[in-house]
Amino acid sequence: MAHNGMVQYTIAEMVLELDAITAHVERIADDWSNGVDYGGLWASKLVSAKYHAVESARRIVKLALDVTGGGSIFKGNEMERLLRDTVLGPVHPANSNVVHEIVGKTALGLLGQPPRWG
């Protein structure tokens, strides 16, 4: 299977995705540990890293399932657990809607201000 060009391409996609999220999460963790002063941007930085990691993990697992096939979805298979965990990742705080609200409001300088409608 490893010699199949499409399998190689899919594995490369997984590695590229993992490299990107690893760099993002490590950067934010390092900045946090070293006391980098992002001030009011910290909320956006933290939820952005979580969102990026979860969405990328979902793509990686989906690609892994494409390679490993349907047998991977049965209970007791590690891929089944990874699939279940990554499917549930977006609902943990902050969920995708809240992430977009925090990041959008932060980018527009509106985080912490009362809503216009309401």
N, C-alpha and C. Protein backbone atom coordinates (compact mmCIF):
# COMPACT_ATOMS: atom_id res chain seq x y z
N MET A 1 0.80 -1.19 0.00
CA MET A 1 0.00 0.00 0.00
C MET A 1 0.85 1.26 0.00
N ALA A 2 1.97 1.22 0.68
CA ALA A 2 2.83 2.40 0.79
C ALA A 2 3.38 2.86 -0.56
N HIS A 3 3.40 1.96 -1.54
CA HIS A 3 3.94 2.31 -2.85
C HIS A 3 2.89 2.91 -3.78
N ASN A 4 1.65 2.94 -3.34
CA ASN A 4 0.56 3.53 -4.12
C ASN A 4 0.70 5.05 -4.08
N GLY A 5 0.72 5.67 -5.26
CA GLY A 5 0.90 7.12 -5.34
C GLY A 5 -0.17 7.91 -4.60
N MET A 6 -1.41 7.46 -4.66
CA MET A 6 -2.48 8.18 -3.97
C MET A 6 -2.36 8.03 -2.45
N VAL A 7 -1.90 6.89 -1.99
CA VAL A 7 -1.66 6.72 -0.55
C VAL A 7 -0.54 7.66 -0.12
N GLN A 8 0.50 7.75 -0.89
CA GLN A 8 1.61 8.65 -0.57
C GLN A 8 1.12 10.10 -0.53
N TYR A 9 0.31 10.47 -1.49
CA TYR A 9 -0.24 11.83 -1.54
C TYR A 9 -1.09 12.10 -0.29
N THR A 10 -1.93 11.15 0.06
CA THR A 10 -2.80 11.32 1.23
C THR A 10 -1.99 11.42 2.51
N ILE A 11 -0.98 10.59 2.65
CA ILE A 11 -0.11 10.65 3.83
C ILE A 11 0.61 12.00 3.87
N ALA A 12 1.05 12.49 2.72
CA ALA A 12 1.70 13.80 2.66
C ALA A 12 0.74 14.90 3.12
N GLU A 13 -0.51 14.83 2.69
CA GLU A 13 -1.51 15.81 3.12
C GLU A 13 -1.66 15.78 4.64
N MET A 14 -1.67 14.59 5.21
CA MET A 14 -1.79 14.46 6.67
C MET A 14 -0.58 15.08 7.37
N VAL A 15 0.60 14.82 6.88
CA VAL A 15 1.83 15.36 7.49
C VAL A 15 1.86 16.87 7.37
N LEU A 16 1.49 17.41 6.21
CA LEU A 16 1.47 18.86 6.03
C LEU A 16 0.50 19.52 7.01
N GLU A 17 -0.65 18.92 7.19
CA GLU A 17 -1.65 19.44 8.12
C GLU A 17 -1.13 19.38 9.56
N LEU A 18 -0.53 18.25 9.91
CA LEU A 18 0.00 18.08 11.27
C LEU A 18 1.15 19.05 11.55
N ASP A 19 2.02 19.25 10.58
CA ASP A 19 3.13 20.20 10.76
C ASP A 19 2.59 21.61 11.04
N ALA A 20 1.55 22.00 10.33
CA ALA A 20 0.99 23.34 10.51
C ALA A 20 0.37 23.51 11.89
N ILE A 21 -0.42 22.53 12.34
CA ILE A 21 -1.05 22.70 13.65
C ILE A 21 -0.03 22.58 14.78
N THR A 22 0.97 21.74 14.58
CA THR A 22 2.01 21.61 15.60
C THR A 22 2.72 22.95 15.78
N ALA A 23 3.08 23.59 14.68
CA ALA A 23 3.76 24.89 14.75
C ALA A 23 2.88 25.93 15.42
N HIS A 24 1.60 25.96 15.08
CA HIS A 24 0.69 26.95 15.65
C HIS A 24 0.53 26.75 17.15
N VAL A 25 0.22 25.53 17.55
CA VAL A 25 -0.01 25.26 18.98
C VAL A 25 1.28 25.48 19.78
N GLU A 26 2.40 25.02 19.26
CA GLU A 26 3.67 25.21 19.99
C GLU A 26 4.01 26.69 20.13
N ARG A 27 3.74 27.47 19.11
CA ARG A 27 4.02 28.91 19.18
C ARG A 27 3.18 29.58 20.27
N ILE A 28 1.90 29.28 20.30
CA ILE A 28 1.02 29.89 21.30
C ILE A 28 1.40 29.42 22.70
N ALA A 29 1.69 28.13 22.85
CA ALA A 29 2.10 27.60 24.16
C ALA A 29 3.41 28.24 24.61
N ASP A 30 4.35 28.40 23.69
CA ASP A 30 5.63 29.02 24.02
C ASP A 30 5.44 30.48 24.41
N ASP A 31 4.62 31.19 23.66
CA ASP A 31 4.35 32.59 23.99
C ASP A 31 3.70 32.72 25.36
N TRP A 32 2.75 31.83 25.65
CA TRP A 32 2.07 31.84 26.96
C TRP A 32 3.09 31.58 28.07
N SER A 33 3.92 30.55 27.88
CA SER A 33 4.92 30.18 28.90
C SER A 33 5.94 31.28 29.13
N ASN A 34 6.25 32.03 28.08
CA ASN A 34 7.25 33.09 28.19
C ASN A 34 6.66 34.46 28.50
N GLY A 35 5.37 34.50 28.78
CA GLY A 35 4.74 35.75 29.19
C GLY A 35 4.65 36.82 28.12
N VAL A 36 4.55 36.40 26.86
CA VAL A 36 4.41 37.38 25.79
C VAL A 36 3.13 38.19 26.04
N ASP A 37 3.24 39.49 25.91
CA ASP A 37 2.11 40.38 26.21
C ASP A 37 1.29 40.65 24.95
N TYR A 38 0.27 39.82 24.74
CA TYR A 38 -0.66 40.07 23.64
C TYR A 38 -1.86 40.88 24.12
N GLY A 39 -1.87 41.19 25.40
CA GLY A 39 -2.96 42.00 25.95
C GLY A 39 -4.31 41.39 25.63
N GLY A 40 -5.18 42.20 25.04
CA GLY A 40 -6.54 41.76 24.72
C GLY A 40 -6.63 40.78 23.57
N LEU A 41 -5.51 40.47 22.95
CA LEU A 41 -5.52 39.51 21.85
C LEU A 41 -5.40 38.06 22.32
N TRP A 42 -5.10 37.87 23.62
CA TRP A 42 -4.89 36.51 24.10
C TRP A 42 -6.08 35.60 23.88
N ALA A 43 -7.29 36.07 24.14
CA ALA A 43 -8.47 35.22 23.95
C ALA A 43 -8.54 34.74 22.51
N SER A 44 -8.34 35.65 21.58
CA SER A 44 -8.37 35.29 20.16
C SER A 44 -7.26 34.31 19.82
N LYS A 45 -6.06 34.54 20.33
CA LYS A 45 -4.93 33.65 20.06
C LYS A 45 -5.20 32.23 20.56
N LEU A 46 -5.75 32.12 21.78
CA LEU A 46 -6.00 30.81 22.37
C LEU A 46 -7.10 30.04 21.65
N VAL A 47 -8.23 30.69 21.40
CA VAL A 47 -9.31 29.96 20.74
C VAL A 47 -8.97 29.67 19.27
N SER A 48 -8.17 30.53 18.66
CA SER A 48 -7.74 30.30 17.29
C SER A 48 -6.87 29.04 17.20
N ALA A 49 -5.95 28.88 18.14
CA ALA A 49 -5.10 27.68 18.14
C ALA A 49 -5.92 26.43 18.38
N LYS A 50 -6.88 26.49 19.30
CA LYS A 50 -7.76 25.35 19.57
C LYS A 50 -8.57 25.00 18.33
N TYR A 51 -9.17 26.00 17.69
CA TYR A 51 -9.98 25.79 16.50
C TYR A 51 -9.13 25.16 15.38
N HIS A 52 -7.96 25.73 15.15
CA HIS A 52 -7.08 25.24 14.09
C HIS A 52 -6.68 23.79 14.35
N ALA A 53 -6.33 23.48 15.60
CA ALA A 53 -5.93 22.12 15.94
C ALA A 53 -7.07 21.13 15.75
N VAL A 54 -8.26 21.49 16.20
CA VAL A 54 -9.41 20.59 16.08
C VAL A 54 -9.80 20.37 14.62
N GLU A 55 -9.90 21.44 13.86
CA GLU A 55 -10.30 21.30 12.45
C GLU A 55 -9.26 20.51 11.66
N SER A 56 -7.99 20.74 11.94
CA SER A 56 -6.95 19.98 11.25
C SER A 56 -6.94 18.52 11.66
N ALA A 57 -7.15 18.26 12.94
CA ALA A 57 -7.24 16.87 13.41
C ALA A 57 -8.38 16.14 12.73
N ARG A 58 -9.50 16.82 12.54
CA ARG A 58 -10.63 16.20 11.83
C ARG A 58 -10.25 15.85 10.40
N ARG A 59 -9.55 16.75 9.72
CA ARG A 59 -9.13 16.47 8.34
C ARG A 59 -8.13 15.31 8.30
N ILE A 60 -7.20 15.28 9.25
CA ILE A 60 -6.20 14.21 9.29
C ILE A 60 -6.87 12.86 9.50
N VAL A 61 -7.81 12.78 10.42
CA VAL A 61 -8.49 11.51 10.69
C VAL A 61 -9.32 11.08 9.49
N LYS A 62 -9.98 12.03 8.84
CA LYS A 62 -10.76 11.69 7.65
C LYS A 62 -9.84 11.12 6.57
N LEU A 63 -8.69 11.74 6.37
CA LEU A 63 -7.74 11.23 5.39
C LEU A 63 -7.22 9.85 5.79
N ALA A 64 -6.96 9.66 7.08
CA ALA A 64 -6.50 8.36 7.56
C ALA A 64 -7.55 7.28 7.30
N LEU A 65 -8.81 7.62 7.48
CA LEU A 65 -9.88 6.66 7.19
C LEU A 65 -9.94 6.33 5.71
N ASP A 66 -9.66 7.31 4.86
CA ASP A 66 -9.62 7.04 3.42
C ASP A 66 -8.55 6.01 3.09
N VAL A 67 -7.44 6.05 3.81
CA VAL A 67 -6.35 5.12 3.57
C VAL A 67 -6.63 3.75 4.19
N THR A 68 -7.13 3.73 5.42
CA THR A 68 -7.28 2.47 6.15
C THR A 68 -8.55 1.72 5.81
N GLY A 69 -9.59 2.42 5.37
CA GLY A 69 -10.80 1.74 4.96
C GLY A 69 -11.82 1.56 6.07
N GLY A 70 -12.94 0.94 5.69
CA GLY A 70 -14.09 0.81 6.57
C GLY A 70 -13.88 0.00 7.83
N GLY A 71 -12.92 -0.90 7.84
CA GLY A 71 -12.67 -1.69 9.04
C GLY A 71 -12.25 -0.84 10.22
N SER A 72 -11.84 0.37 9.94
CA SER A 72 -11.36 1.27 11.00
C SER A 72 -12.48 1.85 11.85
N ILE A 73 -13.72 1.67 11.45
CA ILE A 73 -14.81 2.31 12.20
C ILE A 73 -15.40 1.42 13.28
N PHE A 74 -14.89 0.20 13.42
CA PHE A 74 -15.44 -0.71 14.41
C PHE A 74 -14.89 -0.43 15.80
N LYS A 75 -15.76 -0.58 16.79
CA LYS A 75 -15.41 -0.36 18.20
C LYS A 75 -14.14 -1.14 18.54
N GLY A 76 -13.27 -0.52 19.29
CA GLY A 76 -12.02 -1.16 19.69
C GLY A 76 -10.86 -0.82 18.78
N ASN A 77 -11.15 -0.31 17.59
CA ASN A 77 -10.09 0.11 16.68
C ASN A 77 -9.67 1.53 17.05
N GLU A 78 -8.39 1.77 17.10
CA GLU A 78 -7.90 3.10 17.47
C GLU A 78 -8.43 4.20 16.55
N MET A 79 -8.58 3.89 15.28
CA MET A 79 -9.13 4.88 14.35
C MET A 79 -10.56 5.25 14.71
N GLU A 80 -11.33 4.29 15.20
CA GLU A 80 -12.71 4.57 15.61
C GLU A 80 -12.70 5.58 16.76
N ARG A 81 -11.81 5.40 17.71
CA ARG A 81 -11.71 6.34 18.83
C ARG A 81 -11.29 7.72 18.35
N LEU A 82 -10.31 7.76 17.47
CA LEU A 82 -9.85 9.05 16.94
C LEU A 82 -10.96 9.75 16.18
N LEU A 83 -11.71 8.99 15.40
CA LEU A 83 -12.84 9.57 14.66
C LEU A 83 -13.85 10.16 15.64
N ARG A 84 -14.21 9.40 16.65
CA ARG A 84 -15.18 9.87 17.65
C ARG A 84 -14.66 11.12 18.36
N ASP A 85 -13.42 11.10 18.78
CA ASP A 85 -12.85 12.24 19.50
C ASP A 85 -12.78 13.49 18.62
N THR A 86 -12.40 13.33 17.37
CA THR A 86 -12.28 14.51 16.52
C THR A 86 -13.64 15.05 16.09
N VAL A 87 -14.62 14.17 15.98
CA VAL A 87 -15.97 14.64 15.66
C VAL A 87 -16.50 15.51 16.79
N LEU A 88 -16.16 15.18 18.02
CA LEU A 88 -16.66 15.93 19.17
C LEU A 88 -15.81 17.15 19.52
N GLY A 89 -14.63 17.26 18.96
CA GLY A 89 -13.74 18.39 19.25
C GLY A 89 -14.36 19.76 19.08
N PRO A 90 -15.11 20.00 18.00
CA PRO A 90 -15.66 21.34 17.80
C PRO A 90 -16.70 21.78 18.82
N VAL A 91 -17.30 20.85 19.55
CA VAL A 91 -18.34 21.25 20.49
C VAL A 91 -17.78 21.63 21.86
N HIS A 92 -16.51 21.33 22.10
CA HIS A 92 -15.91 21.71 23.37
C HIS A 92 -15.62 23.21 23.36
N PRO A 93 -15.63 23.83 24.52
CA PRO A 93 -15.39 25.28 24.57
C PRO A 93 -14.04 25.62 23.97
N ALA A 94 -13.96 26.60 23.23
CA ALA A 94 -15.03 27.36 22.62
C ALA A 94 -15.45 26.66 21.32
N ASN A 95 -16.77 26.53 21.13
CA ASN A 95 -17.24 25.89 19.90
C ASN A 95 -16.94 26.79 18.71
N SER A 96 -17.14 26.26 17.52
CA SER A 96 -16.76 26.98 16.29
C SER A 96 -17.42 28.35 16.17
N ASN A 97 -18.69 28.44 16.56
CA ASN A 97 -19.38 29.73 16.47
C ASN A 97 -18.77 30.76 17.42
N VAL A 98 -18.48 30.33 18.63
CA VAL A 98 -17.89 31.24 19.61
C VAL A 98 -16.48 31.65 19.19
N VAL A 99 -15.72 30.70 18.64
CA VAL A 99 -14.37 31.02 18.15
C VAL A 99 -14.45 32.12 17.10
N HIS A 100 -15.35 31.97 16.14
CA HIS A 100 -15.47 32.98 15.09
C HIS A 100 -15.94 34.33 15.65
N GLU A 101 -16.80 34.29 16.64
CA GLU A 101 -17.24 35.54 17.27
C GLU A 101 -16.07 36.23 17.97
N ILE A 102 -15.32 35.48 18.76
CA ILE A 102 -14.19 36.06 19.50
C ILE A 102 -13.13 36.60 18.54
N VAL A 103 -12.76 35.80 17.55
CA VAL A 103 -11.72 36.22 16.60
C VAL A 103 -12.20 37.41 15.78
N GLY A 104 -13.44 37.36 15.29
CA GLY A 104 -13.97 38.46 14.50
C GLY A 104 -14.08 39.75 15.29
N LYS A 105 -14.62 39.67 16.50
CA LYS A 105 -14.75 40.87 17.33
C LYS A 105 -13.38 41.42 17.71
N THR A 106 -12.43 40.53 17.99
CA THR A 106 -11.08 40.99 18.34
C THR A 106 -10.45 41.71 17.15
N ALA A 107 -10.58 41.13 15.97
CA ALA A 107 -10.00 41.74 14.77
C ALA A 107 -10.61 43.11 14.48
N LEU A 108 -11.88 43.28 14.83
CA LEU A 108 -12.56 44.54 14.58
C LEU A 108 -12.51 45.51 15.77
N GLY A 109 -11.85 45.07 16.85
CA GLY A 109 -11.76 45.92 18.04
C GLY A 109 -13.07 46.02 18.81
N LEU A 110 -13.92 45.01 18.69
CA LEU A 110 -15.24 45.05 19.33
C LEU A 110 -15.39 44.11 20.51
N LEU A 111 -14.36 43.31 20.82
CA LEU A 111 -14.47 42.36 21.92
C LEU A 111 -14.70 43.11 23.23
N GLY A 112 -15.72 42.72 23.95
CA GLY A 112 -16.05 43.36 25.22
C GLY A 112 -17.04 44.48 25.11
N GLN A 113 -17.36 44.91 23.90
CA GLN A 113 -18.35 45.98 23.72
C GLN A 113 -19.74 45.36 23.65
N PRO A 114 -20.76 46.12 24.05
CA PRO A 114 -22.12 45.60 23.99
C PRO A 114 -22.52 45.36 22.53
N PRO A 115 -23.39 44.37 22.30
CA PRO A 115 -23.82 44.12 20.94
C PRO A 115 -24.65 45.27 20.38
N ARG A 116 -24.60 45.46 19.10
CA ARG A 116 -25.35 46.54 18.47
C ARG A 116 -26.84 46.26 18.51
N TRP A 117 -27.21 45.01 18.32
CA TRP A 117 -28.63 44.62 18.24
C TRP A 117 -29.00 43.91 19.54
N GLY A 118 -29.51 44.55 20.48
CA GLY A 118 -29.97 43.77 21.59
C GLY A 118 -29.85 44.36 22.89
